[in-house]
Amino acid sequence: MKITNHALKRFQQRGINRELVDLIMLFGEPIEKPGGTTEYRLTPRAKTEAQSELKRQLILIERACNKGVLVDDEGNTLITAYHLM
């Protein structure tokens, strides 16, 4: 995504970094605005949903540890999944 010079300046002035912006866009609630724009807000409800999703992902990371998958790069095909020794 392109970032305007205006946005970069405001990030710096307001102590907002790109990682924070990415998180808001990933988990925030989209609100359509005039002129073909969308505002993303991390509301309390969206925060709770994000925290639940991240907890679920942490559990999956633990389960995925010492496992692998084999993919055919040319055909973009998953061939098999297995436990690592």
C-alpha atoms as a PDB file:
ATOM      1  CA  MET A   1       0.000   0.000   0.000  1.00  0.00           C
ATOM      2  CA  LYS A   2       1.290   3.433  -0.884  1.00  0.00           C
ATOM      3  CA  ILE A   3       1.642   5.956   1.933  1.00  0.00           C
ATOM      4  CA  THR A   4       1.397   9.680   1.235  1.00  0.00           C
ATOM      5  CA  ASN A   5       3.947  12.140   2.558  1.00  0.00           C
ATOM      6  CA  HIS A   6       1.054  13.693   4.505  1.00  0.00           C
ATOM      7  CA  ALA A   7       0.403  10.377   6.274  1.00  0.00           C
ATOM      8  CA  LEU A   8       4.095   9.845   7.067  1.00  0.00           C
ATOM      9  CA  LYS A   9       4.284  13.321   8.576  1.00  0.00           C
ATOM     10  CA  ARG A  10       1.184  12.665  10.717  1.00  0.00           C
ATOM     11  CA  PHE A  11       2.579   9.285  11.841  1.00  0.00           C
ATOM     12  CA  GLN A  12       5.666  11.058  13.121  1.00  0.00           C
ATOM     13  CA  GLN A  13       3.738  13.907  14.763  1.00  0.00           C
ATOM     14  CA  ARG A  14       1.302  11.522  16.480  1.00  0.00           C
ATOM     15  CA  GLY A  15       3.703   8.760  17.504  1.00  0.00           C
ATOM     16  CA  ILE A  16       2.049   6.188  15.244  1.00  0.00           C
ATOM     17  CA  ASN A  17       4.278   3.664  13.474  1.00  0.00           C
ATOM     18  CA  ARG A  18       3.620   1.442  10.464  1.00  0.00           C
ATOM     19  CA  GLU A  19       3.242  -1.677  12.607  1.00  0.00           C
ATOM     20  CA  LEU A  20       0.418  -0.015  14.528  1.00  0.00           C
ATOM     21  CA  VAL A  21      -1.268   1.083  11.301  1.00  0.00           C
ATOM     22  CA  ASP A  22      -1.031  -2.467   9.921  1.00  0.00           C
ATOM     23  CA  LEU A  23      -2.612  -3.842  13.088  1.00  0.00           C
ATOM     24  CA  ILE A  24      -5.487  -1.335  12.931  1.00  0.00           C
ATOM     25  CA  MET A  25      -6.128  -2.194   9.293  1.00  0.00           C
ATOM     26  CA  LEU A  26      -5.984  -5.932   9.985  1.00  0.00           C
ATOM     27  CA  PHE A  27      -8.256  -6.009  13.024  1.00  0.00           C
ATOM     28  CA  GLY A  28     -10.098  -2.686  12.905  1.00  0.00           C
ATOM     29  CA  GLU A  29     -13.719  -2.195  11.952  1.00  0.00           C
ATOM     30  CA  PRO A  30     -14.033  -0.668   8.468  1.00  0.00           C
ATOM     31  CA  ILE A  31     -16.311   2.365   8.145  1.00  0.00           C
ATOM     32  CA  GLU A  32     -17.099   3.660   4.673  1.00  0.00           C
ATOM     33  CA  LYS A  33     -16.513   7.372   4.285  1.00  0.00           C
ATOM     34  CA  PRO A  34     -17.341   9.845   1.492  1.00  0.00           C
ATOM     35  CA  GLY A  35     -15.142  10.042  -1.585  1.00  0.00           C
ATOM     36  CA  GLY A  36     -14.440   6.320  -1.879  1.00  0.00           C
ATOM     37  CA  THR A  37     -12.456   6.098   1.370  1.00  0.00           C
ATOM     38  CA  THR A  38     -12.633   3.732   4.330  1.00  0.00           C
ATOM     39  CA  GLU A  39     -11.707   4.468   7.934  1.00  0.00           C
ATOM     40  CA  TYR A  40     -10.468   1.624  10.135  1.00  0.00           C
ATOM     41  CA  ARG A  41     -11.012   1.853  13.889  1.00  0.00           C
ATOM     42  CA  LEU A  42      -9.856  -0.509  16.592  1.00  0.00           C
ATOM     43  CA  THR A  43     -12.961  -0.230  18.732  1.00  0.00           C
ATOM     44  CA  PRO A  44     -13.293  -2.056  22.072  1.00  0.00           C
ATOM     45  CA  ARG A  45     -15.283  -4.782  20.301  1.00  0.00           C
ATOM     46  CA  ALA A  46     -12.669  -5.117  17.547  1.00  0.00           C
ATOM     47  CA  LYS A  47      -9.939  -5.194  20.210  1.00  0.00           C
ATOM     48  CA  THR A  48     -11.632  -8.106  21.979  1.00  0.00           C
ATOM     49  CA  GLU A  49     -12.025  -9.993  18.689  1.00  0.00           C
ATOM     50  CA  ALA A  50      -8.371  -9.319  17.791  1.00  0.00           C
ATOM     51  CA  GLN A  51      -7.177 -10.583  21.169  1.00  0.00           C
ATOM     52  CA  SER A  52      -9.234 -13.768  20.745  1.00  0.00           C
ATOM     53  CA  GLU A  53      -7.833 -14.322  17.258  1.00  0.00           C
ATOM     54  CA  LEU A  54      -4.260 -13.786  18.417  1.00  0.00           C
ATOM     55  CA  LYS A  55      -4.746 -16.234  21.312  1.00  0.00           C
ATOM     56  CA  ARG A  56      -6.091 -18.782  18.811  1.00  0.00           C
ATOM     57  CA  GLN A  57      -3.051 -18.200  16.589  1.00  0.00           C
ATOM     58  CA  LEU A  58      -0.670 -18.703  19.548  1.00  0.00           C
ATOM     59  CA  ILE A  59      -2.289 -22.080  20.211  1.00  0.00           C
ATOM     60  CA  LEU A  60      -1.902 -22.997  16.528  1.00  0.00           C
ATOM     61  CA  ILE A  61       1.766 -21.955  16.596  1.00  0.00           C
ATOM     62  CA  GLU A  62       2.356 -24.343  19.510  1.00  0.00           C
ATOM     63  CA  ARG A  63       0.579 -27.142  17.639  1.00  0.00           C
ATOM     64  CA  ALA A  64       2.519 -26.425  14.422  1.00  0.00           C
ATOM     65  CA  CYS A  65       5.894 -26.669  16.130  1.00  0.00           C
ATOM     66  CA  ASN A  66       7.978 -29.589  14.783  1.00  0.00           C
ATOM     67  CA  LYS A  67       5.670 -30.170  11.841  1.00  0.00           C
ATOM     68  CA  GLY A  68       6.289 -29.474   8.166  1.00  0.00           C
ATOM     69  CA  VAL A  69       4.589 -29.390   4.810  1.00  0.00           C
ATOM     70  CA  LEU A  70       5.997 -30.173   1.383  1.00  0.00           C
ATOM     71  CA  VAL A  71       4.927 -27.968  -1.540  1.00  0.00           C
ATOM     72  CA  ASP A  72       5.529 -28.263  -5.286  1.00  0.00           C
ATOM     73  CA  ASP A  73       6.665 -24.719  -6.066  1.00  0.00           C
ATOM     74  CA  GLU A  74       6.047 -24.940  -9.785  1.00  0.00           C
ATOM     75  CA  GLY A  75       2.473 -26.167  -9.517  1.00  0.00           C
ATOM     76  CA  ASN A  76       1.811 -24.427  -6.191  1.00  0.00           C
ATOM     77  CA  THR A  77       0.467 -27.748  -4.889  1.00  0.00           C
ATOM     78  CA  LEU A  78       0.620 -29.038  -1.330  1.00  0.00           C
ATOM     79  CA  ILE A  79       1.958 -32.582  -1.490  1.00  0.00           C
ATOM     80  CA  THR A  80       2.049 -33.784   2.111  1.00  0.00           C
ATOM     81  CA  ALA A  81       2.264 -32.823   5.787  1.00  0.00           C
ATOM     82  CA  TYR A  82       4.346 -34.549   8.445  1.00  0.00           C
ATOM     83  CA  HIS A  83       5.905 -34.511  11.909  1.00  0.00           C
ATOM     84  CA  LEU A  84       9.592 -33.543  12.054  1.00  0.00           C
ATOM     85  CA  MET A  85      11.932 -35.896  13.849  1.00  0.00           C
END
